[in-house]
Amino acid sequence: MTRLKVTTVGSSVGIVLPKELLTKLRVQKGDTLLALETADGIELTAYDAELEEQMVVMEGMLHDYRDALRRLAG
């Protein structure tokens, strides 16, 4: 577990990621991160345009087929 401190960055608020965490995320200064809400909390992951496109499609499918998915789950 890594503790992150929320701090002031200019007129905004941000967090500082330690070098070890940047290495694990495979990101560097200037890269974009995604914060995904999961059942276990918030997951940080490196931005992946292909994954984001797939998530948009999946969210649309979940919405369009929600009744069928509920029946399948039941």
C-alpha atoms as a PDB file:
ATOM      1  CA  MET A   1       0.000   0.000   0.000  1.00  0.00           C
ATOM      2  CA  THR A   2       1.250   3.474  -0.872  1.00  0.00           C
ATOM      3  CA  ARG A   3       0.018   6.568   0.946  1.00  0.00           C
ATOM      4  CA  LEU A   4      -0.566   9.604  -1.244  1.00  0.00           C
ATOM      5  CA  LYS A   5      -0.852  13.102   0.151  1.00  0.00           C
ATOM      6  CA  VAL A   6      -3.342  15.550  -1.328  1.00  0.00           C
ATOM      7  CA  THR A   7      -1.607  18.880  -1.804  1.00  0.00           C
ATOM      8  CA  THR A   8      -2.072  22.270  -3.413  1.00  0.00           C
ATOM      9  CA  VAL A   9      -0.692  22.579  -6.939  1.00  0.00           C
ATOM     10  CA  GLY A  10      -1.027  26.184  -8.055  1.00  0.00           C
ATOM     11  CA  SER A  11      -4.690  27.053  -7.645  1.00  0.00           C
ATOM     12  CA  SER A  12      -5.731  23.378  -7.909  1.00  0.00           C
ATOM     13  CA  VAL A  13      -5.428  20.281  -5.747  1.00  0.00           C
ATOM     14  CA  GLY A  14      -3.388  17.240  -6.720  1.00  0.00           C
ATOM     15  CA  ILE A  15      -1.443  14.248  -5.515  1.00  0.00           C
ATOM     16  CA  VAL A  16       2.235  13.455  -5.881  1.00  0.00           C
ATOM     17  CA  LEU A  17       2.976   9.950  -7.133  1.00  0.00           C
ATOM     18  CA  PRO A  18       6.251   8.417  -5.948  1.00  0.00           C
ATOM     19  CA  LYS A  19       8.720   7.183  -8.562  1.00  0.00           C
ATOM     20  CA  GLU A  20       8.055   3.523  -7.680  1.00  0.00           C
ATOM     21  CA  LEU A  21       4.324   3.950  -8.334  1.00  0.00           C
ATOM     22  CA  LEU A  22       4.977   5.709 -11.655  1.00  0.00           C
ATOM     23  CA  THR A  23       7.143   2.768 -12.669  1.00  0.00           C
ATOM     24  CA  LYS A  24       4.448   0.243 -11.710  1.00  0.00           C
ATOM     25  CA  LEU A  25       1.823   2.227 -13.642  1.00  0.00           C
ATOM     26  CA  ARG A  26       4.265   2.544 -16.575  1.00  0.00           C
ATOM     27  CA  VAL A  27       3.606   6.287 -16.837  1.00  0.00           C
ATOM     28  CA  GLN A  28       5.749   9.379 -16.838  1.00  0.00           C
ATOM     29  CA  LYS A  29       5.280  13.128 -16.557  1.00  0.00           C
ATOM     30  CA  GLY A  30       2.698  14.321 -19.075  1.00  0.00           C
ATOM     31  CA  ASP A  31       0.893  10.960 -19.418  1.00  0.00           C
ATOM     32  CA  THR A  32      -2.800  10.606 -18.632  1.00  0.00           C
ATOM     33  CA  LEU A  33      -4.230   8.331 -15.945  1.00  0.00           C
ATOM     34  CA  LEU A  34      -7.742   6.953 -15.703  1.00  0.00           C
ATOM     35  CA  ALA A  35      -9.529   6.619 -12.376  1.00  0.00           C
ATOM     36  CA  LEU A  36     -11.938   3.699 -12.622  1.00  0.00           C
ATOM     37  CA  GLU A  37     -14.621   3.092 -10.024  1.00  0.00           C
ATOM     38  CA  THR A  38     -14.696  -0.602  -9.139  1.00  0.00           C
ATOM     39  CA  ALA A  39     -16.533  -2.672  -6.556  1.00  0.00           C
ATOM     40  CA  ASP A  40     -13.387  -2.490  -4.400  1.00  0.00           C
ATOM     41  CA  GLY A  41     -12.863   1.280  -4.710  1.00  0.00           C
ATOM     42  CA  ILE A  42     -10.992   3.490  -7.163  1.00  0.00           C
ATOM     43  CA  GLU A  43      -8.387   1.970  -9.493  1.00  0.00           C
ATOM     44  CA  LEU A  44      -5.740   4.104 -11.193  1.00  0.00           C
ATOM     45  CA  THR A  45      -4.544   2.883 -14.556  1.00  0.00           C
ATOM     46  CA  ALA A  46      -2.546   4.275 -17.450  1.00  0.00           C
ATOM     47  CA  TYR A  47      -4.741   5.832 -20.136  1.00  0.00           C
ATOM     48  CA  ASP A  48      -5.364   3.490 -23.043  1.00  0.00           C
ATOM     49  CA  ALA A  49      -7.393   4.962 -25.918  1.00  0.00           C
ATOM     50  CA  GLU A  50      -8.429   1.505 -27.137  1.00  0.00           C
ATOM     51  CA  LEU A  51      -9.637   0.494 -23.668  1.00  0.00           C
ATOM     52  CA  GLU A  52     -11.584   3.728 -23.306  1.00  0.00           C
ATOM     53  CA  GLU A  53     -13.304   3.111 -26.643  1.00  0.00           C
ATOM     54  CA  GLN A  54     -14.175  -0.436 -25.576  1.00  0.00           C
ATOM     55  CA  MET A  55     -15.582   0.854 -22.261  1.00  0.00           C
ATOM     56  CA  VAL A  56     -17.814   3.371 -24.070  1.00  0.00           C
ATOM     57  CA  VAL A  57     -19.158   0.594 -26.312  1.00  0.00           C
ATOM     58  CA  MET A  58     -19.681  -1.711 -23.314  1.00  0.00           C
ATOM     59  CA  GLU A  59     -21.520   0.968 -21.314  1.00  0.00           C
ATOM     60  CA  GLY A  60     -23.840   1.486 -24.283  1.00  0.00           C
ATOM     61  CA  MET A  61     -24.478  -2.260 -24.505  1.00  0.00           C
ATOM     62  CA  LEU A  62     -25.140  -2.493 -20.763  1.00  0.00           C
ATOM     63  CA  HIS A  63     -27.695   0.268 -21.104  1.00  0.00           C
ATOM     64  CA  ASP A  64     -29.338  -1.132 -24.260  1.00  0.00           C
ATOM     65  CA  TYR A  65     -29.539  -4.715 -23.004  1.00  0.00           C
ATOM     66  CA  ARG A  66     -30.057  -4.121 -19.277  1.00  0.00           C
ATOM     67  CA  ASP A  67     -33.362  -6.026 -19.139  1.00  0.00           C
ATOM     68  CA  ALA A  68     -31.937  -9.071 -20.908  1.00  0.00           C
ATOM     69  CA  LEU A  69     -28.828  -8.998 -18.709  1.00  0.00           C
ATOM     70  CA  ARG A  70     -30.995  -8.844 -15.571  1.00  0.00           C
ATOM     71  CA  ARG A  71     -32.932 -11.908 -16.731  1.00  0.00           C
ATOM     72  CA  LEU A  72     -29.708 -13.768 -17.499  1.00  0.00           C
ATOM     73  CA  ALA A  73     -28.299 -12.881 -14.076  1.00  0.00           C
ATOM     74  CA  GLY A  74     -31.453 -14.073 -12.300  1.00  0.00           C
END
